[in-house]
Amino acid sequence: MEQYYLLEEVAQKLRVSNMTIYRYIKAKKLKAIKLEKEWRIASVDLEEFLKNRSSI
C-alpha cells in the first residue's frame, strides 16, 4: 500500500515552508493530489523529486 504525506509533513522533512512545497506542486516539479482541501504527496513521488533535485 502506497504511503502518502501531507504537504505540511513534506515541508517539515525538507525544512522549507508550506508555501515552497505548494510552489513546487504548482510548477509541476513535485507530483501531488488534492483530497478535499488537503494536498497529499506519495512517498515515491517525494523520492523522485529528491533524486532529481540532488542531480542538479
N, C-alpha and C. Protein backbone atom coordinates (compact mmCIF):
# COMPACT_ATOMS: atom_id res chain seq x y z
N MET A 1 0.84 -1.19 0.00
CA MET A 1 0.00 0.00 0.00
C MET A 1 0.88 1.24 0.00
N GLU A 2 0.50 2.18 -0.84
CA GLU A 2 1.27 3.42 -1.01
C GLU A 2 1.15 4.31 0.23
N GLN A 3 2.26 4.92 0.62
CA GLN A 3 2.24 5.86 1.74
C GLN A 3 2.16 7.27 1.19
N TYR A 4 1.31 8.08 1.80
CA TYR A 4 1.13 9.47 1.39
C TYR A 4 1.48 10.39 2.55
N TYR A 5 2.06 11.54 2.20
CA TYR A 5 2.40 12.56 3.19
C TYR A 5 1.53 13.78 2.95
N LEU A 6 1.23 14.49 4.02
CA LEU A 6 0.57 15.79 3.90
C LEU A 6 1.60 16.81 3.44
N LEU A 7 1.15 17.87 2.84
CA LEU A 7 2.03 18.94 2.40
C LEU A 7 2.88 19.45 3.56
N GLU A 8 2.27 19.59 4.72
CA GLU A 8 2.96 20.10 5.90
C GLU A 8 4.07 19.14 6.34
N GLU A 9 3.83 17.84 6.23
CA GLU A 9 4.84 16.84 6.61
C GLU A 9 6.05 16.91 5.68
N VAL A 10 5.80 17.08 4.40
CA VAL A 10 6.90 17.19 3.43
C VAL A 10 7.70 18.46 3.70
N ALA A 11 7.01 19.55 3.99
CA ALA A 11 7.69 20.81 4.29
C ALA A 11 8.60 20.65 5.50
N GLN A 12 8.12 19.96 6.53
CA GLN A 12 8.94 19.74 7.72
C GLN A 12 10.15 18.87 7.40
N LYS A 13 9.95 17.82 6.62
CA LYS A 13 11.05 16.91 6.26
C LYS A 13 12.15 17.66 5.50
N LEU A 14 11.73 18.56 4.59
CA LEU A 14 12.69 19.29 3.76
C LEU A 14 13.15 20.60 4.39
N ARG A 15 12.57 20.93 5.54
CA ARG A 15 12.89 22.17 6.27
C ARG A 15 12.68 23.42 5.41
N VAL A 16 11.52 23.44 4.75
CA VAL A 16 11.11 24.61 3.97
C VAL A 16 9.70 24.96 4.39
N SER A 17 9.20 26.07 3.88
CA SER A 17 7.84 26.49 4.24
C SER A 17 6.80 25.71 3.44
N ASN A 18 5.58 25.73 3.94
CA ASN A 18 4.48 25.10 3.22
C ASN A 18 4.31 25.74 1.84
N MET A 19 4.50 27.05 1.77
CA MET A 19 4.35 27.77 0.51
C MET A 19 5.37 27.29 -0.53
N THR A 20 6.57 26.97 -0.11
CA THR A 20 7.59 26.47 -1.03
C THR A 20 7.15 25.14 -1.64
N ILE A 21 6.60 24.26 -0.83
CA ILE A 21 6.12 22.97 -1.34
C ILE A 21 4.95 23.20 -2.29
N TYR A 22 4.05 24.10 -1.94
CA TYR A 22 2.94 24.43 -2.82
C TYR A 22 3.44 24.96 -4.17
N ARG A 23 4.47 25.77 -4.14
CA ARG A 23 5.03 26.30 -5.40
C ARG A 23 5.64 25.18 -6.25
N TYR A 24 6.30 24.21 -5.61
CA TYR A 24 6.82 23.05 -6.35
C TYR A 24 5.69 22.28 -7.00
N ILE A 25 4.58 22.13 -6.29
CA ILE A 25 3.42 21.41 -6.84
C ILE A 25 2.83 22.19 -8.01
N LYS A 26 2.65 23.49 -7.82
CA LYS A 26 2.06 24.34 -8.86
C LYS A 26 2.94 24.37 -10.12
N ALA A 27 4.26 24.34 -9.93
CA ALA A 27 5.20 24.36 -11.06
C ALA A 27 5.39 22.97 -11.66
N LYS A 28 4.68 21.97 -11.11
CA LYS A 28 4.74 20.58 -11.57
C LYS A 28 6.12 19.96 -11.39
N LYS A 29 6.86 20.44 -10.42
CA LYS A 29 8.15 19.85 -10.07
C LYS A 29 7.95 18.69 -9.09
N LEU A 30 6.84 18.73 -8.35
CA LEU A 30 6.52 17.70 -7.36
C LEU A 30 5.08 17.26 -7.60
N LYS A 31 4.90 15.96 -7.82
CA LYS A 31 3.56 15.43 -8.06
C LYS A 31 2.80 15.35 -6.75
N ALA A 32 1.51 15.74 -6.81
CA ALA A 32 0.66 15.68 -5.62
C ALA A 32 -0.78 15.57 -6.07
N ILE A 33 -1.60 15.06 -5.16
CA ILE A 33 -3.04 15.01 -5.42
C ILE A 33 -3.74 15.78 -4.31
N LYS A 34 -4.88 16.34 -4.65
CA LYS A 34 -5.64 17.12 -3.67
C LYS A 34 -6.88 16.33 -3.29
N LEU A 35 -6.97 15.99 -2.03
CA LEU A 35 -8.15 15.32 -1.49
C LEU A 35 -8.88 16.31 -0.61
N GLU A 36 -10.05 16.70 -1.08
CA GLU A 36 -10.84 17.74 -0.45
C GLU A 36 -10.01 19.02 -0.36
N LYS A 37 -9.54 19.40 0.84
CA LYS A 37 -8.79 20.65 0.95
C LYS A 37 -7.33 20.43 1.29
N GLU A 38 -6.88 19.17 1.27
CA GLU A 38 -5.50 18.87 1.65
C GLU A 38 -4.73 18.24 0.49
N TRP A 39 -3.49 18.66 0.36
CA TRP A 39 -2.60 18.07 -0.64
C TRP A 39 -1.94 16.84 -0.05
N ARG A 40 -1.81 15.80 -0.89
CA ARG A 40 -1.13 14.56 -0.49
C ARG A 40 -0.03 14.27 -1.49
N ILE A 41 1.12 13.86 -0.97
CA ILE A 41 2.27 13.55 -1.82
C ILE A 41 2.67 12.10 -1.55
N ALA A 42 2.71 11.30 -2.60
CA ALA A 42 3.10 9.89 -2.46
C ALA A 42 4.59 9.80 -2.14
N SER A 43 4.95 8.81 -1.36
CA SER A 43 6.35 8.65 -0.97
C SER A 43 7.25 8.44 -2.19
N VAL A 44 6.77 7.71 -3.20
CA VAL A 44 7.58 7.51 -4.41
C VAL A 44 7.79 8.82 -5.16
N ASP A 45 6.76 9.67 -5.19
CA ASP A 45 6.89 10.96 -5.86
C ASP A 45 7.86 11.87 -5.11
N LEU A 46 7.84 11.80 -3.79
CA LEU A 46 8.79 12.58 -3.00
C LEU A 46 10.21 12.10 -3.23
N GLU A 47 10.42 10.79 -3.27
CA GLU A 47 11.75 10.24 -3.54
C GLU A 47 12.25 10.64 -4.92
N GLU A 48 11.38 10.61 -5.91
CA GLU A 48 11.74 11.01 -7.27
C GLU A 48 12.12 12.49 -7.32
N PHE A 49 11.35 13.32 -6.62
CA PHE A 49 11.63 14.75 -6.54
C PHE A 49 13.01 14.99 -5.93
N LEU A 50 13.30 14.31 -4.83
CA LEU A 50 14.59 14.48 -4.15
C LEU A 50 15.73 13.98 -5.02
N LYS A 51 15.51 12.89 -5.73
CA LYS A 51 16.54 12.35 -6.63
C LYS A 51 16.87 13.35 -7.75
N ASN A 52 15.84 13.95 -8.31
CA ASN A 52 16.04 14.93 -9.38
C ASN A 52 16.69 16.21 -8.86
N ARG A 53 16.38 16.60 -7.64
CA ARG A 53 16.97 17.81 -7.06
C ARG A 53 18.44 17.62 -6.74
N SER A 54 18.82 16.42 -6.32
CA SER A 54 20.22 16.19 -5.94
C SER A 54 21.14 16.06 -7.14
N SER A 55 20.56 15.83 -8.34
CA SER A 55 21.40 15.68 -9.52
C SER A 55 21.73 17.01 -10.17
N ILE A 56 21.20 18.10 -9.62
CA ILE A 56 21.46 19.44 -10.20
C ILE A 56 22.80 19.96 -9.72
